[in-house]
Amino acid sequence: MTIIIIRALIFYILLMLMMKLMGKRQIGEMQLSELVTTVLLSELAVLPVTDTDIPLLHGLMPLIMISSIEVVISFASRKSRFFRILINGNPITLYENGSFIGKNLTKARISAEDVEAQIRINGFHSASEVDKVILERTGKMSVLPKQSAAPNQSGE
């Protein structure tokens, strides 16, 4: 039992250091590669913590490798526009000039109702007050008002 506790502590400290190395983002702001890395790290850490037959080094090496790959991907994404687009994709315009762009809604697997809900969340009464809605790389939607429109701030 003591060995499992010590292993858990070692993996906890190592995972905290690796996550710190990969950067400070909230879960909703993670890029796809960061989310995959986070899930993989958690899964890879479980077995060596609970199975004392697995040598500690055999459990640590995959964690270090996956974290290193994520750091390299982050660095390459920052330095190369091509690589950033390859890994994270481009923003997608979902609504523009008074109409929804069907092929982009399909590509993003988002319904017009979801876009309309985001428009209301941003303080507009209807899509007619909005110039564009863009699905950003982070998965959040940017709602750009028409020049004459401003979001309803009254809370109604």
Protein backbone atom coordinates (compact mmCIF):
# COMPACT_ATOMS: atom_id res chain seq x y z
CA MET A 1 0.00 0.00 0.00
CA THR A 2 2.85 2.37 0.80
CA ILE A 3 4.35 1.77 -2.68
CA ILE A 4 1.07 2.73 -4.36
CA ILE A 5 0.88 5.93 -2.29
CA ILE A 6 4.47 6.85 -3.17
CA ARG A 7 3.86 6.10 -6.86
CA ALA A 8 0.67 8.18 -6.83
CA LEU A 9 2.59 11.08 -5.29
CA ILE A 10 5.39 10.78 -7.88
CA PHE A 11 2.91 10.70 -10.77
CA TYR A 12 0.89 13.57 -9.30
CA ILE A 13 3.97 15.78 -9.04
CA LEU A 14 5.16 14.78 -12.51
CA LEU A 15 1.74 15.38 -14.10
CA MET A 16 1.47 18.78 -12.41
CA LEU A 17 4.89 19.76 -13.77
CA MET A 18 4.01 18.53 -17.25
CA MET A 19 0.70 20.36 -17.31
CA LYS A 20 2.49 23.51 -16.14
CA LEU A 21 5.01 23.08 -18.97
CA MET A 22 2.24 22.75 -21.52
CA GLY A 23 0.72 26.10 -20.53
CA LYS A 24 -2.10 27.62 -18.58
CA ARG A 25 -5.43 27.21 -20.32
CA GLN A 26 -8.88 26.52 -19.06
CA ILE A 27 -10.45 23.32 -20.29
CA GLY A 28 -12.86 25.21 -22.55
CA GLU A 29 -9.96 26.99 -24.22
CA MET A 30 -7.83 23.92 -24.94
CA GLN A 31 -6.83 23.13 -28.48
CA LEU A 32 -7.57 19.61 -29.69
CA SER A 33 -3.97 18.43 -29.23
CA GLU A 34 -3.96 19.73 -25.64
CA LEU A 35 -7.20 17.94 -24.81
CA VAL A 36 -5.94 14.67 -26.31
CA THR A 37 -2.67 15.02 -24.40
CA THR A 38 -4.50 15.67 -21.13
CA VAL A 39 -6.71 12.60 -21.55
CA LEU A 40 -3.76 10.44 -22.58
CA LEU A 41 -1.65 11.56 -19.63
CA SER A 42 -4.40 10.74 -17.17
CA GLU A 43 -4.93 7.30 -18.71
CA LEU A 44 -1.22 6.51 -18.92
CA ALA A 45 -0.68 7.42 -15.28
CA VAL A 46 -3.33 5.09 -13.86
CA LEU A 47 -1.75 1.71 -14.57
CA PRO A 48 1.75 2.32 -13.20
CA VAL A 49 0.29 3.86 -10.04
CA THR A 50 -1.91 0.88 -9.23
CA ASP A 51 0.08 -1.99 -10.76
CA THR A 52 3.34 -2.35 -8.85
CA ASP A 53 4.54 -5.00 -11.33
CA ILE A 54 5.05 -2.20 -13.89
CA PRO A 55 8.47 -0.60 -13.32
CA LEU A 56 8.19 3.08 -12.41
CA LEU A 57 10.39 4.11 -15.34
CA HIS A 58 8.11 2.25 -17.78
CA GLY A 59 5.24 4.37 -16.50
CA LEU A 60 7.15 7.64 -16.56
CA MET A 61 8.62 7.39 -20.06
CA PRO A 62 5.30 7.54 -21.98
CA LEU A 63 4.23 10.54 -19.87
CA ILE A 64 7.45 12.39 -20.62
CA MET A 65 7.25 11.48 -24.32
CA ILE A 66 3.62 12.60 -24.76
CA SER A 67 4.26 15.84 -22.86
CA SER A 68 7.34 16.54 -24.97
CA ILE A 69 5.37 15.98 -28.16
CA GLU A 70 2.74 18.47 -26.95
CA VAL A 71 5.38 21.09 -26.15
CA VAL A 72 6.91 20.64 -29.63
CA ILE A 73 3.46 20.91 -31.28
CA SER A 74 2.70 24.08 -29.29
CA PHE A 75 6.02 25.62 -30.24
CA ALA A 76 5.64 24.69 -33.91
CA SER A 77 2.07 26.06 -33.93
CA ARG A 78 3.29 29.37 -32.53
CA LYS A 79 6.08 29.67 -35.09
CA SER A 80 4.41 28.34 -38.26
CA ARG A 81 1.06 29.57 -39.60
CA PHE A 82 0.84 26.48 -41.85
CA PHE A 83 1.38 24.13 -38.89
CA ARG A 84 -1.09 26.10 -36.72
CA ILE A 85 -3.79 25.73 -39.40
CA LEU A 86 -2.91 22.06 -39.89
CA ILE A 87 -3.24 21.30 -36.16
CA ASN A 88 -5.95 23.76 -35.05
CA GLY A 89 -7.86 24.52 -38.24
CA ASN A 90 -9.28 27.86 -39.37
CA PRO A 91 -12.15 29.90 -37.98
CA ILE A 92 -15.42 29.11 -39.77
CA THR A 93 -18.06 31.73 -40.64
CA LEU A 94 -21.47 30.33 -39.72
CA TYR A 95 -23.69 33.36 -40.36
CA GLU A 96 -23.08 36.31 -42.67
CA ASN A 97 -25.08 38.96 -44.52
CA GLY A 98 -28.41 37.87 -43.08
CA SER A 99 -28.17 34.14 -43.73
CA PHE A 100 -26.70 30.97 -42.31
CA ILE A 101 -23.98 29.27 -44.32
CA GLY A 102 -25.30 25.72 -44.56
CA LYS A 103 -22.10 24.00 -45.69
CA ASN A 104 -20.16 25.57 -42.82
CA LEU A 105 -22.85 24.61 -40.28
CA THR A 106 -22.62 21.03 -41.58
CA LYS A 107 -18.81 21.09 -41.51
CA ALA A 108 -18.83 22.33 -37.90
CA ARG A 109 -21.74 20.02 -36.95
CA ILE A 110 -23.63 22.96 -35.45
CA SER A 111 -27.30 23.76 -35.96
CA ALA A 112 -28.70 27.17 -36.85
CA GLU A 113 -30.54 27.05 -33.51
CA ASP A 114 -27.21 26.76 -31.66
CA VAL A 115 -25.94 29.84 -33.50
CA GLU A 116 -29.15 31.72 -32.71
CA ALA A 117 -28.77 30.79 -29.04
CA GLN A 118 -25.21 32.16 -29.06
CA ILE A 119 -26.51 35.37 -30.65
CA ARG A 120 -29.01 35.76 -27.78
CA ILE A 121 -26.35 34.91 -25.18
CA ASN A 122 -24.32 37.79 -26.62
CA GLY A 123 -27.20 40.19 -25.93
CA PHE A 124 -28.90 40.45 -29.31
CA HIS A 125 -32.61 39.85 -29.81
CA SER A 126 -32.28 38.24 -33.22
CA ALA A 127 -29.86 37.34 -35.99
CA SER A 128 -31.03 40.39 -37.97
CA GLU A 129 -28.97 42.56 -35.58
CA VAL A 130 -25.78 40.62 -36.35
CA ASP A 131 -23.36 40.94 -39.27
CA LYS A 132 -21.37 37.71 -38.72
CA VAL A 133 -21.00 34.74 -36.40
CA ILE A 134 -17.63 33.01 -36.53
CA LEU A 135 -16.73 29.69 -34.91
CA GLU A 136 -13.21 30.31 -33.60
CA ARG A 137 -10.42 27.74 -33.31
CA THR A 138 -11.10 27.51 -29.59
CA GLY A 139 -14.67 26.32 -30.24
CA LYS A 140 -16.21 29.59 -29.05
CA MET A 141 -18.41 31.69 -31.30
CA SER A 142 -17.65 35.35 -31.99
CA VAL A 143 -20.76 37.41 -32.69
CA LEU A 144 -20.03 40.56 -34.69
CA PRO A 145 -22.81 43.16 -34.67
CA LYS A 146 -23.95 45.21 -37.61
CA GLN A 147 -22.50 48.70 -37.47
CA SER A 148 -25.79 50.16 -36.20
CA ALA A 149 -26.55 47.37 -33.70
CA ALA A 150 -25.24 46.97 -30.20
CA PRO A 151 -25.92 44.15 -27.74
CA ASN A 152 -28.90 44.58 -25.43
CA GLN A 153 -27.37 45.43 -22.06
CA SER A 154 -30.66 45.78 -20.17
CA GLY A 155 -30.73 42.10 -19.21
CA GLU A 156 -34.20 41.58 -20.69
